Amino acid sequence: MSDAALQPDALAELPIFPLPNCVLLPGGLLPLHMFEPRYRELTRDCLAGHQLMAIARLRPGFEGAQYGKPPVYERMGVGRILCSEELPDGRFALVLRGVARVELARELDTASPYRRIEARLLDDQRVDPLDALDHQRRLIALCDRLAEVIDQGGPQLRELARGADSPGRCADAIAAALIMDPDARQELLEATCPLSRLQRTLGHVSHLLCELAPCDSSVN
């Protein structure tokens, strides 16, 4: 299955894993430990089917409602199981790779112990390709500069910045690796304009660069 497109039947009945302050961006990696019985079942069903689940960030006020249906943000990231290991006691260790943005269309009534939704795929808005490419080049250049001043991971950052097949995916990959604040990540997840994501990620990388090395007005 291509990461660029999700099959309609997968979106029609997509399992969700609600988590507090966790946002999975396309291109990002997310390690998970599935220990509750309902999420062990979710994992088994995913592995036997499309290997997809949505990571739904819980809205504020979810405390005390974990075993019901606490409210989640309507826009969420979909991850594909990249690797999995079932432990001797039935728990699972997983790694997901983010593959898409989706929006909750409706929550389904199911007999399964975990939640499922009907989801709509969120495609990127059309933008001026030359403008987007210019922003992508600037982001790659900034990542090169950042790679020179960080203690570890410089070569991986350079490779990550160059590995995306579109400007929007480049912004997603860099944001997934460098932006940790859940509110900022949620805003980027909800942004379907590639230029907006590029600009926000450029600003974040510029800020990191100025924190780690002397900067001037030319950093952007």
Protein backbone atom coordinates (compact mmCIF):
# COMPACT_ATOMS: atom_id res chain seq x y z
CA MET A 1 0.00 0.00 0.00
CA SER A 2 1.29 3.41 -0.93
CA ASP A 3 1.83 5.87 1.89
CA ALA A 4 0.32 8.56 -0.33
CA ALA A 5 -3.16 7.03 -0.48
CA LEU A 6 -5.35 5.06 1.89
CA GLN A 7 -7.80 2.49 0.65
CA PRO A 8 -11.46 3.58 1.01
CA ASP A 9 -12.40 0.50 3.02
CA ALA A 10 -9.66 1.31 5.53
CA LEU A 11 -11.06 4.82 6.01
CA ALA A 12 -14.61 3.48 6.35
CA GLU A 13 -13.77 1.66 9.58
CA LEU A 14 -10.54 3.02 10.98
CA PRO A 15 -9.47 2.05 14.52
CA ILE A 16 -8.29 4.90 16.71
CA PHE A 17 -5.86 4.90 19.61
CA PRO A 18 -6.59 7.95 21.82
CA LEU A 19 -3.58 9.36 23.65
CA PRO A 20 -2.99 12.52 25.69
CA ASN A 21 -0.72 15.12 24.04
CA CYS A 22 0.40 12.78 21.27
CA VAL A 23 0.26 13.92 17.63
CA LEU A 24 1.48 11.74 14.78
CA LEU A 25 2.58 13.76 11.76
CA PRO A 26 3.00 12.24 8.29
CA GLY A 27 6.54 10.94 7.95
CA GLY A 28 7.02 10.74 11.71
CA LEU A 29 7.78 7.63 13.75
CA LEU A 30 5.92 6.71 16.93
CA PRO A 31 6.91 3.83 19.25
CA LEU A 32 3.98 2.37 21.18
CA HIS A 33 3.53 -0.08 24.04
CA MET A 34 0.14 -1.78 23.82
CA PHE A 35 -0.68 -3.35 27.18
CA GLU A 36 -4.43 -2.86 27.78
CA PRO A 37 -6.50 -5.85 26.56
CA ARG A 38 -8.63 -3.69 24.24
CA TYR A 39 -5.54 -2.25 22.54
CA ARG A 40 -3.92 -5.65 22.27
CA GLU A 41 -7.04 -6.65 20.34
CA LEU A 42 -6.80 -3.48 18.25
CA THR A 43 -3.20 -4.38 17.41
CA ARG A 44 -4.05 -7.94 16.42
CA ASP A 45 -6.88 -6.72 14.18
CA CYS A 46 -4.60 -4.11 12.59
CA LEU A 47 -1.87 -6.65 11.92
CA ALA A 48 -4.38 -8.99 10.32
CA GLY A 49 -5.83 -6.24 8.13
CA HIS A 50 -4.64 -2.91 6.73
CA GLN A 51 -2.03 -2.36 9.47
CA LEU A 52 -3.40 1.15 9.97
CA MET A 53 -4.60 3.02 13.03
CA ALA A 54 -5.32 6.67 13.78
CA ILE A 55 -3.60 8.37 16.69
CA ALA A 56 -6.24 10.65 18.18
CA ARG A 57 -5.10 13.34 20.59
CA LEU A 58 -7.38 13.57 23.60
CA ARG A 59 -8.93 16.96 24.22
CA PRO A 60 -8.48 18.71 27.57
CA GLY A 61 -10.85 17.36 30.20
CA PHE A 62 -10.45 13.70 29.22
CA GLU A 63 -9.24 12.77 32.71
CA GLY A 64 -11.53 10.31 34.43
CA ALA A 65 -13.20 9.26 31.16
CA GLN A 66 -10.52 6.95 29.75
CA TYR A 67 -12.88 3.97 29.77
CA GLY A 68 -15.71 5.73 28.01
CA LYS A 69 -15.42 7.83 24.89
CA PRO A 70 -13.49 10.92 25.93
CA PRO A 71 -13.46 13.71 23.33
CA VAL A 72 -10.65 13.74 20.79
CA TYR A 73 -9.44 16.25 18.22
CA GLU A 74 -11.33 15.67 14.98
CA ARG A 75 -8.16 15.84 12.87
CA MET A 76 -5.68 13.08 13.54
CA GLY A 77 -2.70 11.32 12.03
CA VAL A 78 -2.89 7.85 10.55
CA GLY A 79 0.01 5.50 11.15
CA ARG A 80 0.98 2.29 9.44
CA ILE A 81 2.59 -0.42 11.57
CA LEU A 82 6.21 -0.45 10.52
CA CYS A 83 7.33 -3.21 12.87
CA SER A 84 5.80 -5.13 15.76
CA GLU A 85 6.74 -7.61 18.43
CA GLU A 86 4.32 -9.61 20.56
CA LEU A 87 5.79 -10.12 24.00
CA PRO A 88 5.41 -13.37 25.96
CA ASP A 89 2.65 -11.92 28.17
CA GLY A 90 0.58 -10.73 25.20
CA ARG A 91 1.66 -7.10 25.17
CA PHE A 92 2.85 -5.54 21.92
CA ALA A 93 5.74 -3.25 21.08
CA LEU A 94 5.04 -1.31 17.89
CA VAL A 95 6.51 1.40 15.73
CA LEU A 96 4.16 3.41 13.54
CA ARG A 97 5.06 5.60 10.60
CA GLY A 98 2.71 8.48 9.93
CA VAL A 99 1.22 8.24 6.44
CA ALA A 100 -1.72 10.66 6.25
CA ARG A 101 -3.97 13.29 7.79
CA VAL A 102 -7.61 12.43 8.30
CA GLU A 103 -10.70 14.06 9.74
CA LEU A 104 -13.32 12.29 11.81
CA ALA A 105 -16.54 12.01 9.81
CA ARG A 106 -18.46 10.01 12.43
CA GLU A 107 -17.75 7.60 15.24
CA LEU A 108 -19.03 4.09 14.65
CA ASP A 109 -21.07 1.94 17.01
CA THR A 110 -19.17 -1.33 17.16
CA ALA A 111 -19.04 -4.38 19.38
CA SER A 112 -15.27 -4.18 19.57
CA PRO A 113 -13.74 -2.93 22.83
CA TYR A 114 -11.81 -0.18 21.01
CA ARG A 115 -13.12 2.80 19.08
CA ARG A 116 -13.51 2.98 15.31
CA ILE A 117 -14.39 5.89 13.08
CA GLU A 118 -15.34 6.70 9.53
CA ALA A 119 -12.61 9.07 8.37
CA ARG A 120 -12.11 11.52 5.52
CA LEU A 121 -8.68 11.83 3.97
CA LEU A 122 -7.30 15.38 4.14
CA ASP A 123 -5.49 16.22 0.92
CA ASP A 124 -3.07 19.12 0.62
CA GLN A 125 -4.32 22.36 -0.86
CA ARG A 126 -2.92 23.40 -4.21
CA VAL A 127 -0.26 26.08 -3.99
CA ASP A 128 2.17 27.76 -6.36
CA PRO A 129 4.70 24.97 -6.97
CA LEU A 130 7.61 27.38 -7.51
CA ASP A 131 6.85 29.17 -4.24
CA ALA A 132 6.61 25.85 -2.40
CA LEU A 133 9.87 24.64 -3.93
CA ASP A 134 11.62 27.85 -2.88
CA HIS A 135 10.43 27.35 0.70
CA GLN A 136 11.57 23.73 0.59
CA ARG A 137 15.05 24.76 -0.54
CA ARG A 138 15.25 27.31 2.26
CA LEU A 139 14.20 24.67 4.79
CA ILE A 140 16.84 22.25 3.51
CA ALA A 141 19.49 24.97 3.74
CA LEU A 142 18.50 25.79 7.33
CA CYS A 143 18.57 22.10 8.26
CA ASP A 144 22.08 21.89 6.82
CA ARG A 145 23.13 24.77 9.07
CA LEU A 146 21.42 23.20 12.07
CA ALA A 147 23.11 19.87 11.35
CA GLU A 148 26.50 21.59 11.69
CA VAL A 149 25.86 22.76 15.27
CA ILE A 150 23.96 19.88 16.90
CA ASP A 151 25.91 17.28 18.84
CA GLN A 152 24.28 14.23 17.28
CA GLY A 153 22.10 13.38 14.31
CA GLY A 154 23.47 15.91 11.82
CA PRO A 155 23.86 13.49 8.90
CA GLN A 156 20.42 12.02 9.60
CA LEU A 157 18.85 15.48 9.61
CA ARG A 158 20.43 16.32 6.25
CA GLU A 159 19.19 13.03 4.81
CA LEU A 160 15.71 13.54 6.25
CA ALA A 161 15.43 17.02 4.74
CA ARG A 162 16.34 15.71 1.29
CA GLY A 163 14.34 12.49 1.41
CA ALA A 164 10.84 13.90 0.94
CA ASP A 165 9.19 13.74 -2.47
CA SER A 166 7.29 17.04 -2.12
CA PRO A 167 7.62 20.35 -0.27
CA GLY A 168 4.72 19.53 2.03
CA ARG A 169 6.18 16.16 2.96
CA CYS A 170 9.53 17.81 3.60
CA ALA A 171 7.90 20.15 6.11
CA ASP A 172 6.09 17.23 7.74
CA ALA A 173 9.24 15.13 8.10
CA ILE A 174 11.29 17.94 9.63
CA ALA A 175 8.46 19.02 11.92
CA ALA A 176 7.92 15.45 13.09
CA ALA A 177 11.58 15.19 14.03
CA LEU A 178 12.16 18.62 15.59
CA ILE A 179 8.89 20.03 16.94
CA MET A 180 7.87 18.45 20.23
CA ASP A 181 5.20 20.81 21.58
CA PRO A 182 1.84 19.00 21.17
CA ASP A 183 -0.12 22.18 20.44
CA ALA A 184 2.31 23.18 17.69
CA ARG A 185 2.21 19.66 16.28
CA GLN A 186 -1.60 19.66 16.32
CA GLU A 187 -1.65 22.95 14.42
CA LEU A 188 0.70 21.50 11.81
CA LEU A 189 -1.37 18.33 11.57
CA GLU A 190 -4.50 20.38 10.92
CA ALA A 191 -2.82 22.61 8.31
CA THR A 192 -3.61 21.34 4.82
CA CYS A 193 -1.70 24.19 3.15
CA PRO A 194 1.88 23.06 2.41
CA LEU A 195 3.13 26.66 2.37
CA SER A 196 1.76 27.25 5.85
CA ARG A 197 3.51 24.13 7.15
CA LEU A 198 6.76 25.10 5.43
CA GLN A 199 6.65 28.61 6.89
CA ARG A 200 5.93 27.38 10.41
CA THR A 201 8.65 24.76 10.22
CA LEU A 202 11.12 27.29 8.83
CA GLY A 203 10.39 29.52 11.79
CA HIS A 204 10.95 26.68 14.24
CA VAL A 205 14.24 25.60 12.69
CA SER A 206 15.38 29.24 12.61
CA HIS A 207 14.61 29.55 16.31
CA LEU A 208 16.54 26.37 17.10
CA LEU A 209 19.48 27.59 15.08
CA CYS A 210 19.55 30.93 16.91
CA GLU A 211 19.47 29.13 20.26
CA LEU A 212 22.46 26.95 19.36
CA ALA A 213 24.59 29.38 17.38
CA PRO A 214 24.88 33.15 16.89
CA CYS A 215 22.37 34.34 14.36
CA ASP A 216 21.48 37.51 12.52
CA SER A 217 18.62 38.77 10.41
CA SER A 218 19.71 36.56 7.51
CA VAL A 219 18.88 33.29 9.28
CA ASN A 220 15.50 33.10 7.55
